Amino acid sequence: MSKDKVYLTVIVLLAIALIASCAQQVQQTKRLSISEIVISNEGLKFITEDGKLIATMRATEYGGELTIRNNQGNLIAGVGGTEYGGMIGISTNQEKLVVSIGALEYGGGVTIFNNQEKSVAGMAAFEYGGGLGLYDNQQNRIWPKP
């Protein structure tokens, strides 16, 4: 099997593992009741019965943003949009970025990060094509070879 096929297989397996991990987290999550929605100059704040901030939604001068926190108050997901496109970021329960997905006028991309928040895999589409890449912990490209 060629190295290209091995690396592509690794990317697919990482994506499947990420999706399975997220699905498992969702199944294990206890449902929290929202008891209060605060409207302020900073947007909307969603607060649980025990006073924990669980989500925010606000408008900015560039677009809008939604953040979601776990029951410990840690930021685990964010969605943002501007006139140029949108972005989704998903983090671990310790607020370490795991994956980001972005879109612009001419394409978009997905980046997967390791537990030190270093980019280790990426995929992008552009106006005239696209690409895939794998990187080591020092951010050196390992596939395709430079």
Foldseek 3Di string as FASTA:
>chain_A
DDPVVVVVVVVVVVVVVVVVVVVVVVVPADDFDFDDWDQDPQAIFTATPVGATAKGWGADPFGIKIWGAGPVNATAWMWTAGPFWIKIWGADNVNATAKMWIAGPFWIKIFGADPVNDTAKMKIAGNVGIDIFGADPVRHTPPPHD
